[in-house]
PDB file of N, CA and C in Angstrom:
ATOM      1  N   MET A   1     -21.953  48.233 -23.861  1.00  0.00           N
ATOM      2  CA  MET A   1     -21.913  47.355 -22.728  1.00  0.00           C
ATOM      3  C   MET A   1     -21.737  45.910 -23.153  1.00  0.00           C
ATOM      4  N   ARG A   2     -22.314  45.549 -24.244  1.00  0.00           N
ATOM      5  CA  ARG A   2     -22.218  44.165 -24.703  1.00  0.00           C
ATOM      6  C   ARG A   2     -20.769  43.773 -24.989  1.00  0.00           C
ATOM      7  N   SER A   3     -19.993  44.654 -25.568  1.00  0.00           N
ATOM      8  CA  SER A   3     -18.606  44.335 -25.882  1.00  0.00           C
ATOM      9  C   SER A   3     -17.785  44.105 -24.613  1.00  0.00           C
ATOM     10  N   SER A   4     -18.101  44.779 -23.520  1.00  0.00           N
ATOM     11  CA  SER A   4     -17.342  44.581 -22.292  1.00  0.00           C
ATOM     12  C   SER A   4     -17.623  43.202 -21.693  1.00  0.00           C
ATOM     13  N   LYS A   5     -18.871  42.703 -21.862  1.00  0.00           N
ATOM     14  CA  LYS A   5     -19.167  41.352 -21.377  1.00  0.00           C
ATOM     15  C   LYS A   5     -18.370  40.323 -22.163  1.00  0.00           C
ATOM     16  N   TRP A   6     -18.256  40.517 -23.473  1.00  0.00           N
ATOM     17  CA  TRP A   6     -17.474  39.598 -24.302  1.00  0.00           C
ATOM     18  C   TRP A   6     -16.012  39.641 -23.898  1.00  0.00           C
ATOM     19  N   GLY A   7     -15.523  40.834 -23.672  1.00  0.00           N
ATOM     20  CA  GLY A   7     -14.121  40.999 -23.269  1.00  0.00           C
ATOM     21  C   GLY A   7     -13.835  40.295 -21.960  1.00  0.00           C
ATOM     22  N   MET A   8     -14.752  40.413 -21.021  1.00  0.00           N
ATOM     23  CA  MET A   8     -14.592  39.752 -19.735  1.00  0.00           C
ATOM     24  C   MET A   8     -14.677  38.244 -19.883  1.00  0.00           C
ATOM     25  N   GLY A   9     -15.543  37.766 -20.768  1.00  0.00           N
ATOM     26  CA  GLY A   9     -15.665  36.324 -20.995  1.00  0.00           C
ATOM     27  C   GLY A   9     -14.401  35.737 -21.592  1.00  0.00           C
ATOM     28  N   PHE A  10     -13.825  36.444 -22.565  1.00  0.00           N
ATOM     29  CA  PHE A  10     -12.574  35.975 -23.168  1.00  0.00           C
ATOM     30  C   PHE A  10     -11.436  36.005 -22.155  1.00  0.00           C
ATOM     31  N   ALA A  11     -11.422  37.040 -21.332  1.00  0.00           N
ATOM     32  CA  ALA A  11     -10.378  37.141 -20.315  1.00  0.00           C
ATOM     33  C   ALA A  11     -10.488  35.983 -19.320  1.00  0.00           C
ATOM     34  N   ALA A  12     -11.712  35.645 -18.947  1.00  0.00           N
ATOM     35  CA  ALA A  12     -11.912  34.539 -18.015  1.00  0.00           C
ATOM     36  C   ALA A  12     -11.496  33.214 -18.638  1.00  0.00           C
ATOM     37  N   MET A  13     -11.834  33.000 -19.924  1.00  0.00           N
ATOM     38  CA  MET A  13     -11.436  31.763 -20.607  1.00  0.00           C
ATOM     39  C   MET A  13      -9.916  31.689 -20.733  1.00  0.00           C
ATOM     40  N   PHE A  14      -9.282  32.812 -21.034  1.00  0.00           N
ATOM     41  CA  PHE A  14      -7.832  32.850 -21.158  1.00  0.00           C
ATOM     42  C   PHE A  14      -7.181  32.513 -19.816  1.00  0.00           C
ATOM     43  N   ALA A  15      -7.708  33.091 -18.736  1.00  0.00           N
ATOM     44  CA  ALA A  15      -7.164  32.827 -17.405  1.00  0.00           C
ATOM     45  C   ALA A  15      -7.328  31.360 -17.034  1.00  0.00           C
ATOM     46  N   ALA A  16      -8.480  30.774 -17.362  1.00  0.00           N
ATOM     47  CA  ALA A  16      -8.713  29.364 -17.069  1.00  0.00           C
ATOM     48  C   ALA A  16      -7.752  28.475 -17.856  1.00  0.00           C
ATOM     49  N   ALA A  17      -7.536  28.804 -19.120  1.00  0.00           N
ATOM     50  CA  ALA A  17      -6.609  28.026 -19.945  1.00  0.00           C
ATOM     51  C   ALA A  17      -5.191  28.143 -19.403  1.00  0.00           C
ATOM     52  N   LEU A  18      -4.818  29.314 -18.929  1.00  0.00           N
ATOM     53  CA  LEU A  18      -3.492  29.524 -18.373  1.00  0.00           C
ATOM     54  C   LEU A  18      -3.297  28.686 -17.111  1.00  0.00           C
ATOM     55  N   VAL A  19      -4.301  28.656 -16.260  1.00  0.00           N
ATOM     56  CA  VAL A  19      -4.226  27.857 -15.030  1.00  0.00           C
ATOM     57  C   VAL A  19      -4.112  26.377 -15.364  1.00  0.00           C
ATOM     58  N   LEU A  20      -4.912  25.903 -16.300  1.00  0.00           N
ATOM     59  CA  LEU A  20      -4.863  24.491 -16.667  1.00  0.00           C
ATOM     60  C   LEU A  20      -3.538  24.106 -17.296  1.00  0.00           C
ATOM     61  N   SER A  21      -2.973  24.968 -18.110  1.00  0.00           N
ATOM     62  CA  SER A  21      -1.697  24.644 -18.741  1.00  0.00           C
ATOM     63  C   SER A  21      -0.565  24.651 -17.716  1.00  0.00           C
ATOM     64  N   ALA A  22      -0.684  25.443 -16.678  1.00  0.00           N
ATOM     65  CA  ALA A  22       0.336  25.469 -15.633  1.00  0.00           C
ATOM     66  C   ALA A  22       0.255  24.224 -14.764  1.00  0.00           C
ATOM     67  N   ALA A  23      -0.918  23.619 -14.645  1.00  0.00           N
ATOM     68  CA  ALA A  23      -1.087  22.436 -13.805  1.00  0.00           C
ATOM     69  C   ALA A  23      -0.528  21.183 -14.471  1.00  0.00           C
ATOM     70  N   ALA A  24      -0.467  21.126 -15.771  1.00  0.00           N
ATOM     71  CA  ALA A  24      -0.001  19.930 -16.477  1.00  0.00           C
ATOM     72  C   ALA A  24       1.437  19.555 -16.136  1.00  0.00           C
ATOM     73  N   PRO A  25       2.403  20.494 -16.149  1.00  0.00           N
ATOM     74  CA  PRO A  25       3.771  20.102 -15.792  1.00  0.00           C
ATOM     75  C   PRO A  25       3.887  19.605 -14.361  1.00  0.00           C
ATOM     76  N   ALA A  26       3.103  20.140 -13.444  1.00  0.00           N
ATOM     77  CA  ALA A  26       3.151  19.688 -12.064  1.00  0.00           C
ATOM     78  C   ALA A  26       2.737  18.223 -11.981  1.00  0.00           C
ATOM     79  N   TYR A  27       1.743  17.819 -12.737  1.00  0.00           N
ATOM     80  CA  TYR A  27       1.319  16.431 -12.740  1.00  0.00           C
ATOM     81  C   TYR A  27       2.420  15.541 -13.289  1.00  0.00           C
ATOM     82  N   ALA A  28       3.078  15.984 -14.342  1.00  0.00           N
ATOM     83  CA  ALA A  28       4.160  15.199 -14.932  1.00  0.00           C
ATOM     84  C   ALA A  28       5.310  15.039 -13.944  1.00  0.00           C
ATOM     85  N   GLU A  29       5.625  16.093 -13.204  1.00  0.00           N
ATOM     86  CA  GLU A  29       6.698  16.012 -12.222  1.00  0.00           C
ATOM     87  C   GLU A  29       6.340  15.020 -11.131  1.00  0.00           C
ATOM     88  N   ASN A  30       5.110  15.042 -10.662  1.00  0.00           N
ATOM     89  CA  ASN A  30       4.702  14.103  -9.625  1.00  0.00           C
ATOM     90  C   ASN A  30       4.760  12.676 -10.131  1.00  0.00           C
ATOM     91  N   THR A  31       4.413  12.459 -11.390  1.00  0.00           N
ATOM     92  CA  THR A  31       4.485  11.125 -11.949  1.00  0.00           C
ATOM     93  C   THR A  31       5.933  10.642 -11.945  1.00  0.00           C
ATOM     94  N   GLN A  32       6.872  11.478 -12.337  1.00  0.00           N
ATOM     95  CA  GLN A  32       8.286  11.117 -12.339  1.00  0.00           C
ATOM     96  C   GLN A  32       8.773  10.885 -10.911  1.00  0.00           C
ATOM     97  N   GLN A  33       8.331  11.713  -9.978  1.00  0.00           N
ATOM     98  CA  GLN A  33       8.717  11.534  -8.580  1.00  0.00           C
ATOM     99  C   GLN A  33       8.170  10.219  -8.053  1.00  0.00           C
ATOM    100  N   ASP A  34       6.929   9.907  -8.411  1.00  0.00           N
ATOM    101  CA  ASP A  34       6.330   8.647  -7.978  1.00  0.00           C
ATOM    102  C   ASP A  34       7.108   7.462  -8.544  1.00  0.00           C
ATOM    103  N   LYS A  35       7.493   7.580  -9.817  1.00  0.00           N
ATOM    104  CA  LYS A  35       8.249   6.505 -10.455  1.00  0.00           C
ATOM    105  C   LYS A  35       9.589   6.319  -9.751  1.00  0.00           C
ATOM    106  N   MET A  36      10.261   7.417  -9.411  1.00  0.00           N
ATOM    107  CA  MET A  36      11.553   7.350  -8.734  1.00  0.00           C
ATOM    108  C   MET A  36      11.401   6.694  -7.364  1.00  0.00           C
ATOM    109  N   THR A  37      10.370   7.085  -6.629  1.00  0.00           N
ATOM    110  CA  THR A  37      10.112   6.508  -5.313  1.00  0.00           C
ATOM    111  C   THR A  37       9.850   5.013  -5.427  1.00  0.00           C
ATOM    112  N   SER A  38       9.033   4.643  -6.399  1.00  0.00           N
ATOM    113  CA  SER A  38       8.700   3.242  -6.608  1.00  0.00           C
ATOM    114  C   SER A  38       9.932   2.420  -6.985  1.00  0.00           C
ATOM    115  N   CYS A  39      10.742   2.935  -7.901  1.00  0.00           N
ATOM    116  CA  CYS A  39      11.944   2.214  -8.330  1.00  0.00           C
ATOM    117  C   CYS A  39      12.946   2.081  -7.186  1.00  0.00           C
ATOM    118  N   ASN A  40      13.096   3.138  -6.382  1.00  0.00           N
ATOM    119  CA  ASN A  40      14.002   3.072  -5.230  1.00  0.00           C
ATOM    120  C   ASN A  40      13.548   2.005  -4.239  1.00  0.00           C
ATOM    121  N   ALA A  41      12.255   1.959  -3.970  1.00  0.00           N
ATOM    122  CA  ALA A  41      11.725   0.970  -3.030  1.00  0.00           C
ATOM    123  C   ALA A  41      11.938  -0.446  -3.560  1.00  0.00           C
ATOM    124  N   GLU A  42      11.715  -0.628  -4.847  1.00  0.00           N
ATOM    125  CA  GLU A  42      11.883  -1.950  -5.441  1.00  0.00           C
ATOM    126  C   GLU A  42      13.352  -2.382  -5.406  1.00  0.00           C
ATOM    127  N   ALA A  43      14.261  -1.459  -5.694  1.00  0.00           N
ATOM    128  CA  ALA A  43      15.694  -1.769  -5.658  1.00  0.00           C
ATOM    129  C   ALA A  43      16.131  -2.119  -4.235  1.00  0.00           C
ATOM    130  N   LYS A  44      15.599  -1.398  -3.268  1.00  0.00           N
ATOM    131  CA  LYS A  44      15.936  -1.669  -1.869  1.00  0.00           C
ATOM    132  C   LYS A  44      15.400  -3.033  -1.447  1.00  0.00           C
ATOM    133  N   ALA A  45      14.163  -3.335  -1.855  1.00  0.00           N
ATOM    134  CA  ALA A  45      13.559  -4.618  -1.506  1.00  0.00           C
ATOM    135  C   ALA A  45      14.337  -5.786  -2.116  1.00  0.00           C
ATOM    136  N   LYS A  46      14.906  -5.565  -3.288  1.00  0.00           N
ATOM    137  CA  LYS A  46      15.696  -6.610  -3.942  1.00  0.00           C
ATOM    138  C   LYS A  46      17.118  -6.667  -3.402  1.00  0.00           C
ATOM    139  N   GLY A  47      17.492  -5.711  -2.552  1.00  0.00           N
ATOM    140  CA  GLY A  47      18.822  -5.693  -1.969  1.00  0.00           C
ATOM    141  C   GLY A  47      19.915  -5.362  -2.974  1.00  0.00           C
ATOM    142  N   LEU A  48      19.594  -4.560  -3.982  1.00  0.00           N
ATOM    143  CA  LEU A  48      20.567  -4.224  -5.017  1.00  0.00           C
ATOM    144  C   LEU A  48      21.496  -3.110  -4.552  1.00  0.00           C
ATOM    145  N   SER A  49      22.744  -3.187  -5.004  1.00  0.00           N
ATOM    146  CA  SER A  49      23.693  -2.119  -4.704  1.00  0.00           C
ATOM    147  C   SER A  49      24.717  -2.040  -5.824  1.00  0.00           C
ATOM    148  N   GLY A  50      25.438  -0.929  -5.863  1.00  0.00           N
ATOM    149  CA  GLY A  50      26.494  -0.745  -6.845  1.00  0.00           C
ATOM    150  C   GLY A  50      25.996  -0.742  -8.282  1.00  0.00           C
ATOM    151  N   ALA A  51      26.725  -1.438  -9.138  1.00  0.00           N
ATOM    152  CA  ALA A  51      26.418  -1.462 -10.568  1.00  0.00           C
ATOM    153  C   ALA A  51      25.070  -2.130 -10.845  1.00  0.00           C
ATOM    154  N   ASP A  52      24.743  -3.153 -10.053  1.00  0.00           N
ATOM    155  CA  ASP A  52      23.454  -3.829 -10.250  1.00  0.00           C
ATOM    156  C   ASP A  52      22.294  -2.862 -10.000  1.00  0.00           C
ATOM    157  N   ARG A  53      22.416  -2.057  -8.947  1.00  0.00           N
ATOM    158  CA  ARG A  53      21.359  -1.083  -8.630  1.00  0.00           C
ATOM    159  C   ARG A  53      21.265  -0.025  -9.731  1.00  0.00           C
ATOM    160  N   LYS A  54      22.421   0.442 -10.192  1.00  0.00           N
ATOM    161  CA  LYS A  54      22.441   1.459 -11.232  1.00  0.00           C
ATOM    162  C   LYS A  54      21.765   0.943 -12.507  1.00  0.00           C
ATOM    163  N   THR A  55      22.069  -0.282 -12.889  1.00  0.00           N
ATOM    164  CA  THR A  55      21.468  -0.878 -14.079  1.00  0.00           C
ATOM    165  C   THR A  55      19.961  -1.038 -13.896  1.00  0.00           C
ATOM    166  N   PHE A  56      19.570  -1.516 -12.722  1.00  0.00           N
ATOM    167  CA  PHE A  56      18.148  -1.700 -12.443  1.00  0.00           C
ATOM    168  C   PHE A  56      17.402  -0.371 -12.487  1.00  0.00           C
ATOM    169  N   MET A  57      17.964   0.656 -11.841  1.00  0.00           N
ATOM    170  CA  MET A  57      17.307   1.965 -11.790  1.00  0.00           C
ATOM    171  C   MET A  57      17.175   2.554 -13.185  1.00  0.00           C
ATOM    172  N   LYS A  58      18.200   2.397 -14.002  1.00  0.00           N
ATOM    173  CA  LYS A  58      18.139   2.926 -15.362  1.00  0.00           C
ATOM    174  C   LYS A  58      16.983   2.278 -16.127  1.00  0.00           C
ATOM    175  N   GLY A  59      16.864   0.972 -16.023  1.00  0.00           N
ATOM    176  CA  GLY A  59      15.787   0.257 -16.706  1.00  0.00           C
ATOM    177  C   GLY A  59      14.418   0.595 -16.141  1.00  0.00           C
ATOM    178  N   CYS A  60      14.339   0.669 -14.833  1.00  0.00           N
ATOM    179  CA  CYS A  60      13.061   0.947 -14.172  1.00  0.00           C
ATOM    180  C   CYS A  60      12.557   2.339 -14.519  1.00  0.00           C
ATOM    181  N   LEU A  61      13.441   3.329 -14.499  1.00  0.00           N
ATOM    182  CA  LEU A  61      13.030   4.704 -14.766  1.00  0.00           C
ATOM    183  C   LEU A  61      12.744   4.954 -16.237  1.00  0.00           C
ATOM    184  N   SER A  62      13.299   4.124 -17.110  1.00  0.00           N
ATOM    185  CA  SER A  62      13.072   4.339 -18.539  1.00  0.00           C
ATOM    186  C   SER A  62      11.786   3.691 -19.037  1.00  0.00           C
ATOM    187  N   LYS A  63      11.162   2.861 -18.221  1.00  0.00           N
ATOM    188  CA  LYS A  63       9.895   2.237 -18.609  1.00  0.00           C
ATOM    189  C   LYS A  63       8.845   3.321 -18.755  1.00  0.00           C
ATOM    190  N   GLU A  64       8.192   3.349 -19.897  1.00  0.00           N
ATOM    191  CA  GLU A  64       7.142   4.340 -20.122  1.00  0.00           C
ATOM    192  C   GLU A  64       5.793   3.653 -20.096  1.00  0.00           C
ATOM    193  N   GLY A  65       4.898   4.181 -19.316  1.00  0.00           N
ATOM    194  CA  GLY A  65       3.546   3.656 -19.276  1.00  0.00           C
ATOM    195  C   GLY A  65       3.470   2.249 -18.718  1.00  0.00           C
ATOM    196  N   ALA A  66       4.475   1.845 -17.977  1.00  0.00           N
ATOM    197  CA  ALA A  66       4.459   0.508 -17.400  1.00  0.00           C
ATOM    198  C   ALA A  66       3.356   0.432 -16.351  1.00  0.00           C
ATOM    199  N   ALA A  67       2.731  -0.705 -16.270  1.00  0.00           N
ATOM    200  CA  ALA A  67       1.664  -0.891 -15.295  1.00  0.00           C
ATOM    201  C   ALA A  67       2.272  -0.860 -13.897  1.00  0.00           C
ATOM    202  N   PRO A  68       1.613  -0.206 -12.959  1.00  0.00           N
ATOM    203  CA  PRO A  68       2.142  -0.181 -11.608  1.00  0.00           C
ATOM    204  C   PRO A  68       2.135  -1.587 -11.015  1.00  0.00           C
ATOM    205  N   GLU A  69       3.069  -1.808 -10.107  1.00  0.00           N
ATOM    206  CA  GLU A  69       3.188  -3.125  -9.505  1.00  0.00           C
ATOM    207  C   GLU A  69       1.930  -3.444  -8.704  1.00  0.00           C
ATOM    208  N   LYS A  70       1.569  -4.717  -8.698  1.00  0.00           N
ATOM    209  CA  LYS A  70       0.381  -5.157  -7.980  1.00  0.00           C
ATOM    210  C   LYS A  70       0.558  -4.887  -6.491  1.00  0.00           C
ATOM    211  N   LYS A  71      -0.466  -4.358  -5.863  1.00  0.00           N
ATOM    212  CA  LYS A  71      -0.420  -4.041  -4.440  1.00  0.00           C
ATOM    213  C   LYS A  71      -0.379  -5.338  -3.637  1.00  0.00           C
ATOM    214  N   LEU A  72       0.582  -5.428  -2.716  1.00  0.00           N
ATOM    215  CA  LEU A  72       0.725  -6.618  -1.889  1.00  0.00           C
ATOM    216  C   LEU A  72      -0.040  -6.448  -0.588  1.00  0.00           C
ATOM    217  N   ASN A  73      -0.540  -7.571  -0.057  1.00  0.00           N
ATOM    218  CA  ASN A  73      -1.194  -7.487   1.248  1.00  0.00           C
ATOM    219  C   ASN A  73      -0.116  -7.456   2.333  1.00  0.00           C
ATOM    220  N   SER A  74      -0.502  -7.264   3.580  1.00  0.00           N
ATOM    221  CA  SER A  74       0.472  -7.074   4.651  1.00  0.00           C
ATOM    222  C   SER A  74       1.383  -8.296   4.823  1.00  0.00           C
ATOM    223  N   GLN A  75       0.855  -9.491   4.695  1.00  0.00           N
ATOM    224  CA  GLN A  75       1.684 -10.692   4.841  1.00  0.00           C
ATOM    225  C   GLN A  75       2.716 -10.776   3.712  1.00  0.00           C
ATOM    226  N   GLN A  76       2.307 -10.448   2.505  1.00  0.00           N
ATOM    227  CA  GLN A  76       3.233 -10.463   1.377  1.00  0.00           C
ATOM    228  C   GLN A  76       4.320  -9.404   1.561  1.00  0.00           C
ATOM    229  N   GLU A  77       3.935  -8.233   2.084  1.00  0.00           N
ATOM    230  CA  GLU A  77       4.920  -7.185   2.352  1.00  0.00           C
ATOM    231  C   GLU A  77       5.952  -7.671   3.370  1.00  0.00           C
ATOM    232  N   LYS A  78       5.490  -8.335   4.427  1.00  0.00           N
ATOM    233  CA  LYS A  78       6.400  -8.851   5.450  1.00  0.00           C
ATOM    234  C   LYS A  78       7.356  -9.881   4.855  1.00  0.00           C
ATOM    235  N   MET A  79       6.835 -10.775   4.030  1.00  0.00           N
ATOM    236  CA  MET A  79       7.670 -11.800   3.409  1.00  0.00           C
ATOM    237  C   MET A  79       8.716 -11.163   2.500  1.00  0.00           C
ATOM    238  N   LYS A  80       8.305 -10.178   1.738  1.00  0.00           N
ATOM    239  CA  LYS A  80       9.218  -9.503   0.830  1.00  0.00           C
ATOM    240  C   LYS A  80      10.336  -8.819   1.609  1.00  0.00           C
ATOM    241  N   THR A  81       9.981  -8.132   2.675  1.00  0.00           N
ATOM    242  CA  THR A  81      10.964  -7.446   3.501  1.00  0.00           C
ATOM    243  C   THR A  81      11.913  -8.434   4.169  1.00  0.00           C
ATOM    244  N   CYS A  82      11.374  -9.512   4.731  1.00  0.00           N
ATOM    245  CA  CYS A  82      12.212 -10.505   5.395  1.00  0.00           C
ATOM    246  C   CYS A  82      13.155 -11.188   4.411  1.00  0.00           C
ATOM    247  N   ASN A  83      12.669 -11.494   3.217  1.00  0.00           N
ATOM    248  CA  ASN A  83      13.511 -12.111   2.193  1.00  0.00           C
ATOM    249  C   ASN A  83      14.655 -11.172   1.786  1.00  0.00           C
ATOM    250  N   ALA A  84      14.343  -9.898   1.649  1.00  0.00           N
ATOM    251  CA  ALA A  84      15.381  -8.924   1.282  1.00  0.00           C
ATOM    252  C   ALA A  84      16.422  -8.818   2.383  1.00  0.00           C
ATOM    253  N   ASP A  85      15.978  -8.812   3.645  1.00  0.00           N
ATOM    254  CA  ASP A  85      16.907  -8.740   4.782  1.00  0.00           C
ATOM    255  C   ASP A  85      17.789  -9.993   4.836  1.00  0.00           C
ATOM    256  N   ALA A  86      17.187 -11.152   4.640  1.00  0.00           N
ATOM    257  CA  ALA A  86      17.950 -12.398   4.677  1.00  0.00           C
ATOM    258  C   ALA A  86      18.977 -12.452   3.553  1.00  0.00           C
ATOM    259  N   THR A  87      18.591 -11.968   2.380  1.00  0.00           N
ATOM    260  CA  THR A  87      19.522 -11.943   1.253  1.00  0.00           C
ATOM    261  C   THR A  87      20.680 -10.996   1.539  1.00  0.00           C
ATOM    262  N   ALA A  88      20.390  -9.853   2.128  1.00  0.00           N
ATOM    263  CA  ALA A  88      21.429  -8.877   2.438  1.00  0.00           C
ATOM    264  C   ALA A  88      22.408  -9.425   3.483  1.00  0.00           C
ATOM    265  N   LYS A  89      21.901 -10.205   4.442  1.00  0.00           N
ATOM    266  CA  LYS A  89      22.754 -10.763   5.485  1.00  0.00           C
ATOM    267  C   LYS A  89      23.514 -11.993   5.011  1.00  0.00           C
ATOM    268  N   GLY A  90      23.051 -12.585   3.912  1.00  0.00           N
ATOM    269  CA  GLY A  90      23.737 -13.756   3.372  1.00  0.00           C
ATOM    270  C   GLY A  90      23.296 -14.983   4.097  1.00  0.00           C
TER     271      GLY A  90
END
């Protein structure tokens, strides 16, 4: 009977390790998705298009471990959006 308890314990540890290893790639994918979303928003806010946008996105997505941008308050968000709109309209 003792050997069956050990067998069950190893099986449980193996299953737990398998679950944890499967969760790691999902986290990495979400990080890349978050980075893509963030870079797209920043490019849009800057009013970039064409080759300028492509260059910006390449640089933004290649940054590794870059600190996330400082969170803006609502007034700063409005100013940023209005400035981007004004720049786009010329």
